[in-house]
Amino acid sequence: MSWQQRSSREVYANHYIRVLEDEVTRPDGTPGMYGLLEVRQPAVFVVPVTADERVVLVHCDRYTTGTSWEVPAGGSDGQELRPAAERELAEETGYVAARWDHLGGQWGLNGVARSRIEVFLARDLTRTSTTYDEGEGIGAVDAFAWDEVRAMLRDGRINDNESTGALLLAAIELGWA
């Protein structure tokens, strides 16, 4: 038996998310309540890689979790995924890319949320601006060798799991993993 929704009630909503409270029947047949965060549009995560095989990351200060190095990312806001990824890369890093590969989609926080992310690999980078979106909590943009990225994953400087998943997909694509 799988999960069965008996009823659903929206308890909060804005332009980006909805919070639902669902009455459910669990896979074992028992009744229950499930709180669910639903992100309205997929997010795009971009792994930018320079010509000398360095990964461009942004240092973010998140209201929810504090600081982390992350891949550039953001909501697609109803835009087609590739143009949304291009926008996020430019806004957050000042880079544009000539080569794009869609590496696939994943679910974020799948135990409590319905939050789709789509991952892109961006190459043949050109820096067109040295400004980035500080209003989003971005304090720095830097490029790191893959060995340093691996160390950052291990020591917690990269602590965003969705960035970690995006980096893994890129590493597989590039033959680094």
C-alpha atoms as a PDB file:
ATOM      1  CA  MET A   1       0.000   0.000   0.000  1.00  0.00           C
ATOM      2  CA  SER A   2       1.207   3.549  -0.639  1.00  0.00           C
ATOM      3  CA  TRP A   3       0.405   6.885   0.980  1.00  0.00           C
ATOM      4  CA  GLN A   4      -3.201   8.009   0.504  1.00  0.00           C
ATOM      5  CA  GLN A   5      -4.278  11.632   0.897  1.00  0.00           C
ATOM      6  CA  ARG A   6      -7.693  11.918   2.552  1.00  0.00           C
ATOM      7  CA  SER A   7      -7.873  15.718   2.672  1.00  0.00           C
ATOM      8  CA  SER A   8      -5.647  18.739   2.229  1.00  0.00           C
ATOM      9  CA  ARG A   9      -5.769  22.208   3.739  1.00  0.00           C
ATOM     10  CA  GLU A  10      -3.609  25.157   2.737  1.00  0.00           C
ATOM     11  CA  VAL A  11      -2.357  26.851   5.903  1.00  0.00           C
ATOM     12  CA  TYR A  12      -0.066  29.435   4.289  1.00  0.00           C
ATOM     13  CA  ALA A  13       0.839  30.616   0.804  1.00  0.00           C
ATOM     14  CA  ASN A  14       2.860  33.311  -0.932  1.00  0.00           C
ATOM     15  CA  HIS A  15       4.274  33.790  -4.430  1.00  0.00           C
ATOM     16  CA  TYR A  16       7.022  31.173  -3.849  1.00  0.00           C
ATOM     17  CA  ILE A  17       5.625  28.487  -1.523  1.00  0.00           C
ATOM     18  CA  ARG A  18       2.536  26.828  -0.065  1.00  0.00           C
ATOM     19  CA  VAL A  19       2.301  25.050   3.263  1.00  0.00           C
ATOM     20  CA  LEU A  20      -0.234  22.252   3.366  1.00  0.00           C
ATOM     21  CA  GLU A  21      -1.608  20.137   6.180  1.00  0.00           C
ATOM     22  CA  ASP A  22      -2.829  16.825   4.815  1.00  0.00           C
ATOM     23  CA  GLU A  23      -4.832  14.067   6.449  1.00  0.00           C
ATOM     24  CA  VAL A  24      -3.282  10.849   5.181  1.00  0.00           C
ATOM     25  CA  THR A  25      -3.399   7.119   5.445  1.00  0.00           C
ATOM     26  CA  ARG A  26       0.144   5.842   5.903  1.00  0.00           C
ATOM     27  CA  PRO A  27       1.504   2.859   3.946  1.00  0.00           C
ATOM     28  CA  ASP A  28       0.808   0.634   6.985  1.00  0.00           C
ATOM     29  CA  GLY A  29      -2.881   1.673   6.930  1.00  0.00           C
ATOM     30  CA  THR A  30      -2.835   3.941   9.988  1.00  0.00           C
ATOM     31  CA  PRO A  31      -4.225   7.480   9.799  1.00  0.00           C
ATOM     32  CA  GLY A  32      -2.018  10.507  10.241  1.00  0.00           C
ATOM     33  CA  MET A  33      -1.318  14.171   9.526  1.00  0.00           C
ATOM     34  CA  TYR A  34       1.422  15.357   7.210  1.00  0.00           C
ATOM     35  CA  GLY A  35       2.795  18.886   7.021  1.00  0.00           C
ATOM     36  CA  LEU A  36       4.114  19.637   3.530  1.00  0.00           C
ATOM     37  CA  LEU A  37       6.040  22.559   2.108  1.00  0.00           C
ATOM     38  CA  GLU A  38       5.431  22.936  -1.622  1.00  0.00           C
ATOM     39  CA  VAL A  39       7.729  25.123  -3.710  1.00  0.00           C
ATOM     40  CA  ARG A  40       5.634  26.512  -6.559  1.00  0.00           C
ATOM     41  CA  GLN A  41       8.305  26.504  -9.310  1.00  0.00           C
ATOM     42  CA  PRO A  42      11.402  24.336  -9.787  1.00  0.00           C
ATOM     43  CA  ALA A  43      14.741  25.775  -8.721  1.00  0.00           C
ATOM     44  CA  VAL A  44      17.789  25.793 -10.971  1.00  0.00           C
ATOM     45  CA  PHE A  45      21.253  24.879  -9.695  1.00  0.00           C
ATOM     46  CA  VAL A  46      24.273  25.737 -11.834  1.00  0.00           C
ATOM     47  CA  VAL A  47      27.738  24.200 -11.550  1.00  0.00           C
ATOM     48  CA  PRO A  48      30.003  26.671 -13.396  1.00  0.00           C
ATOM     49  CA  VAL A  49      33.383  25.254 -14.418  1.00  0.00           C
ATOM     50  CA  THR A  50      36.188  27.453 -15.758  1.00  0.00           C
ATOM     51  CA  ALA A  51      38.515  26.560 -18.649  1.00  0.00           C
ATOM     52  CA  ASP A  52      41.155  25.478 -16.104  1.00  0.00           C
ATOM     53  CA  GLU A  53      38.599  23.160 -14.425  1.00  0.00           C
ATOM     54  CA  ARG A  54      37.877  25.291 -11.371  1.00  0.00           C
ATOM     55  CA  VAL A  55      34.366  25.329  -9.885  1.00  0.00           C
ATOM     56  CA  VAL A  56      32.845  28.769  -9.309  1.00  0.00           C
ATOM     57  CA  LEU A  57      31.020  28.978  -5.985  1.00  0.00           C
ATOM     58  CA  VAL A  58      29.198  31.721  -4.112  1.00  0.00           C
ATOM     59  CA  HIS A  59      29.552  32.327  -0.372  1.00  0.00           C
ATOM     60  CA  CYS A  60      26.039  32.742   1.001  1.00  0.00           C
ATOM     61  CA  ASP A  61      24.679  33.852   4.344  1.00  0.00           C
ATOM     62  CA  ARG A  62      21.298  32.148   4.655  1.00  0.00           C
ATOM     63  CA  TYR A  63      18.659  33.371   7.102  1.00  0.00           C
ATOM     64  CA  THR A  64      17.765  29.750   7.862  1.00  0.00           C
ATOM     65  CA  THR A  65      21.159  28.052   8.206  1.00  0.00           C
ATOM     66  CA  GLY A  66      24.003  30.584   8.243  1.00  0.00           C
ATOM     67  CA  THR A  67      26.941  30.596   5.851  1.00  0.00           C
ATOM     68  CA  SER A  68      28.059  28.120   3.208  1.00  0.00           C
ATOM     69  CA  TRP A  69      29.822  28.007  -0.117  1.00  0.00           C
ATOM     70  CA  GLU A  70      27.227  26.958  -2.690  1.00  0.00           C
ATOM     71  CA  VAL A  71      26.690  26.634  -6.393  1.00  0.00           C
ATOM     72  CA  PRO A  72      24.702  29.518  -7.913  1.00  0.00           C
ATOM     73  CA  ALA A  73      21.014  28.700  -7.657  1.00  0.00           C
ATOM     74  CA  GLY A  74      17.563  30.154  -7.437  1.00  0.00           C
ATOM     75  CA  GLY A  75      13.946  29.856  -8.365  1.00  0.00           C
ATOM     76  CA  SER A  76      12.949  29.526 -11.989  1.00  0.00           C
ATOM     77  CA  ASP A  77      10.051  31.904 -11.278  1.00  0.00           C
ATOM     78  CA  GLY A  78       7.973  30.350 -14.068  1.00  0.00           C
ATOM     79  CA  GLN A  79      10.716  30.942 -16.645  1.00  0.00           C
ATOM     80  CA  GLU A  80      11.983  28.149 -18.896  1.00  0.00           C
ATOM     81  CA  LEU A  81      14.714  26.284 -17.010  1.00  0.00           C
ATOM     82  CA  ARG A  82      17.768  27.089 -19.142  1.00  0.00           C
ATOM     83  CA  PRO A  83      17.102  30.868 -19.305  1.00  0.00           C
ATOM     84  CA  ALA A  84      16.444  30.797 -15.551  1.00  0.00           C
ATOM     85  CA  ALA A  85      19.797  29.060 -15.014  1.00  0.00           C
ATOM     86  CA  GLU A  86      21.526  31.628 -17.237  1.00  0.00           C
ATOM     87  CA  ARG A  87      19.903  34.447 -15.227  1.00  0.00           C
ATOM     88  CA  GLU A  88      20.928  32.969 -11.878  1.00  0.00           C
ATOM     89  CA  LEU A  89      24.532  32.429 -13.017  1.00  0.00           C
ATOM     90  CA  ALA A  90      24.828  36.044 -14.223  1.00  0.00           C
ATOM     91  CA  GLU A  91      23.073  37.573 -11.197  1.00  0.00           C
ATOM     92  CA  GLU A  92      24.991  35.611  -8.592  1.00  0.00           C
ATOM     93  CA  THR A  93      28.466  35.435 -10.146  1.00  0.00           C
ATOM     94  CA  GLY A  94      28.806  37.927 -13.003  1.00  0.00           C
ATOM     95  CA  TYR A  95      29.602  35.044 -15.388  1.00  0.00           C
ATOM     96  CA  VAL A  96      27.891  33.937 -18.593  1.00  0.00           C
ATOM     97  CA  ALA A  97      28.455  30.546 -20.208  1.00  0.00           C
ATOM     98  CA  ALA A  98      28.618  29.513 -23.856  1.00  0.00           C
ATOM     99  CA  ARG A  99      28.131  25.797 -23.144  1.00  0.00           C
ATOM    100  CA  TRP A 100      25.252  24.378 -21.107  1.00  0.00           C
ATOM    101  CA  ASP A 101      24.376  20.793 -20.202  1.00  0.00           C
ATOM    102  CA  HIS A 102      21.218  19.848 -18.315  1.00  0.00           C
ATOM    103  CA  LEU A 103      22.317  17.133 -15.884  1.00  0.00           C
ATOM    104  CA  GLY A 104      18.862  16.198 -14.641  1.00  0.00           C
ATOM    105  CA  GLY A 105      16.443  16.838 -11.834  1.00  0.00           C
ATOM    106  CA  GLN A 106      16.276  15.923  -8.182  1.00  0.00           C
ATOM    107  CA  TRP A 107      13.956  16.474  -5.223  1.00  0.00           C
ATOM    108  CA  GLY A 108      15.113  18.603  -2.305  1.00  0.00           C
ATOM    109  CA  LEU A 109      14.041  17.859   1.287  1.00  0.00           C
ATOM    110  CA  ASN A 110      11.805  15.056   0.055  1.00  0.00           C
ATOM    111  CA  GLY A 111      10.706  14.001   3.544  1.00  0.00           C
ATOM    112  CA  VAL A 112       8.965  17.318   4.235  1.00  0.00           C
ATOM    113  CA  ALA A 113       8.810  19.184   0.929  1.00  0.00           C
ATOM    114  CA  ARG A 114       7.793  18.970  -2.687  1.00  0.00           C
ATOM    115  CA  SER A 115      10.720  20.973  -4.045  1.00  0.00           C
ATOM    116  CA  ARG A 116      12.097  20.185  -7.495  1.00  0.00           C
ATOM    117  CA  ILE A 117      15.596  21.232  -8.523  1.00  0.00           C
ATOM    118  CA  GLU A 118      17.088  21.060 -12.010  1.00  0.00           C
ATOM    119  CA  VAL A 119      20.878  20.913 -12.336  1.00  0.00           C
ATOM    120  CA  PHE A 120      22.941  22.487 -15.109  1.00  0.00           C
ATOM    121  CA  LEU A 121      26.642  22.345 -15.934  1.00  0.00           C
ATOM    122  CA  ALA A 122      27.919  25.660 -17.336  1.00  0.00           C
ATOM    123  CA  ARG A 123      31.228  25.854 -19.221  1.00  0.00           C
ATOM    124  CA  ASP A 124      33.120  28.218 -21.522  1.00  0.00           C
ATOM    125  CA  LEU A 125      32.649  30.977 -18.962  1.00  0.00           C
ATOM    126  CA  THR A 126      33.169  34.690 -19.514  1.00  0.00           C
ATOM    127  CA  ARG A 127      33.117  37.193 -16.662  1.00  0.00           C
ATOM    128  CA  THR A 128      30.922  40.090 -17.765  1.00  0.00           C
ATOM    129  CA  SER A 129      30.499  41.776 -14.394  1.00  0.00           C
ATOM    130  CA  THR A 130      32.283  41.911 -11.060  1.00  0.00           C
ATOM    131  CA  THR A 131      29.077  42.603  -9.146  1.00  0.00           C
ATOM    132  CA  TYR A 132      26.759  40.000  -7.698  1.00  0.00           C
ATOM    133  CA  ASP A 133      23.493  39.921  -5.796  1.00  0.00           C
ATOM    134  CA  GLU A 134      24.436  40.970  -2.263  1.00  0.00           C
ATOM    135  CA  GLY A 135      20.738  41.351  -1.412  1.00  0.00           C
ATOM    136  CA  GLU A 136      20.515  37.563  -1.528  1.00  0.00           C
ATOM    137  CA  GLY A 137      23.249  37.250   1.110  1.00  0.00           C
ATOM    138  CA  ILE A 138      26.095  36.588  -1.329  1.00  0.00           C
ATOM    139  CA  GLY A 139      29.318  37.896   0.152  1.00  0.00           C
ATOM    140  CA  ALA A 140      31.913  36.467  -2.227  1.00  0.00           C
ATOM    141  CA  VAL A 141      32.403  34.619  -5.500  1.00  0.00           C
ATOM    142  CA  ASP A 142      35.482  32.446  -6.005  1.00  0.00           C
ATOM    143  CA  ALA A 143      36.707  29.507  -8.085  1.00  0.00           C
ATOM    144  CA  PHE A 144      38.127  26.340  -6.539  1.00  0.00           C
ATOM    145  CA  ALA A 145      40.020  23.307  -7.829  1.00  0.00           C
ATOM    146  CA  TRP A 146      38.061  20.043  -7.521  1.00  0.00           C
ATOM    147  CA  ASP A 147      40.370  18.767  -4.747  1.00  0.00           C
ATOM    148  CA  GLU A 148      39.548  21.894  -2.725  1.00  0.00           C
ATOM    149  CA  VAL A 149      35.813  21.434  -3.387  1.00  0.00           C
ATOM    150  CA  ARG A 150      36.095  17.880  -2.037  1.00  0.00           C
ATOM    151  CA  ALA A 151      37.846  19.191   1.094  1.00  0.00           C
ATOM    152  CA  MET A 152      35.134  21.853   1.498  1.00  0.00           C
ATOM    153  CA  LEU A 153      32.454  19.163   1.310  1.00  0.00           C
ATOM    154  CA  ARG A 154      34.201  17.120   3.985  1.00  0.00           C
ATOM    155  CA  ASP A 155      34.945  19.961   6.407  1.00  0.00           C
ATOM    156  CA  GLY A 156      31.532  21.637   6.147  1.00  0.00           C
ATOM    157  CA  ARG A 157      32.424  24.816   4.276  1.00  0.00           C
ATOM    158  CA  ILE A 158      29.945  23.511   1.703  1.00  0.00           C
ATOM    159  CA  ASN A 159      26.974  22.480   3.830  1.00  0.00           C
ATOM    160  CA  ASP A 160      24.066  22.913   1.403  1.00  0.00           C
ATOM    161  CA  ASN A 161      22.903  19.443   0.417  1.00  0.00           C
ATOM    162  CA  GLU A 162      21.326  20.561  -2.866  1.00  0.00           C
ATOM    163  CA  SER A 163      24.663  22.102  -3.897  1.00  0.00           C
ATOM    164  CA  THR A 164      26.322  18.843  -2.892  1.00  0.00           C
ATOM    165  CA  GLY A 165      23.969  16.869  -5.149  1.00  0.00           C
ATOM    166  CA  ALA A 166      24.572  19.269  -8.039  1.00  0.00           C
ATOM    167  CA  LEU A 167      28.334  18.992  -7.566  1.00  0.00           C
ATOM    168  CA  LEU A 168      28.087  15.187  -7.568  1.00  0.00           C
ATOM    169  CA  LEU A 169      26.158  15.180 -10.856  1.00  0.00           C
ATOM    170  CA  ALA A 170      28.747  17.521 -12.391  1.00  0.00           C
ATOM    171  CA  ALA A 171      31.646  15.411 -11.087  1.00  0.00           C
ATOM    172  CA  ILE A 172      30.119  12.306 -12.673  1.00  0.00           C
ATOM    173  CA  GLU A 173      29.586  14.156 -15.965  1.00  0.00           C
ATOM    174  CA  LEU A 174      33.158  15.467 -15.981  1.00  0.00           C
ATOM    175  CA  GLY A 175      34.738  12.155 -14.921  1.00  0.00           C
ATOM    176  CA  TRP A 176      35.920  13.589 -11.580  1.00  0.00           C
ATOM    177  CA  ALA A 177      34.062  11.019  -9.468  1.00  0.00           C
END
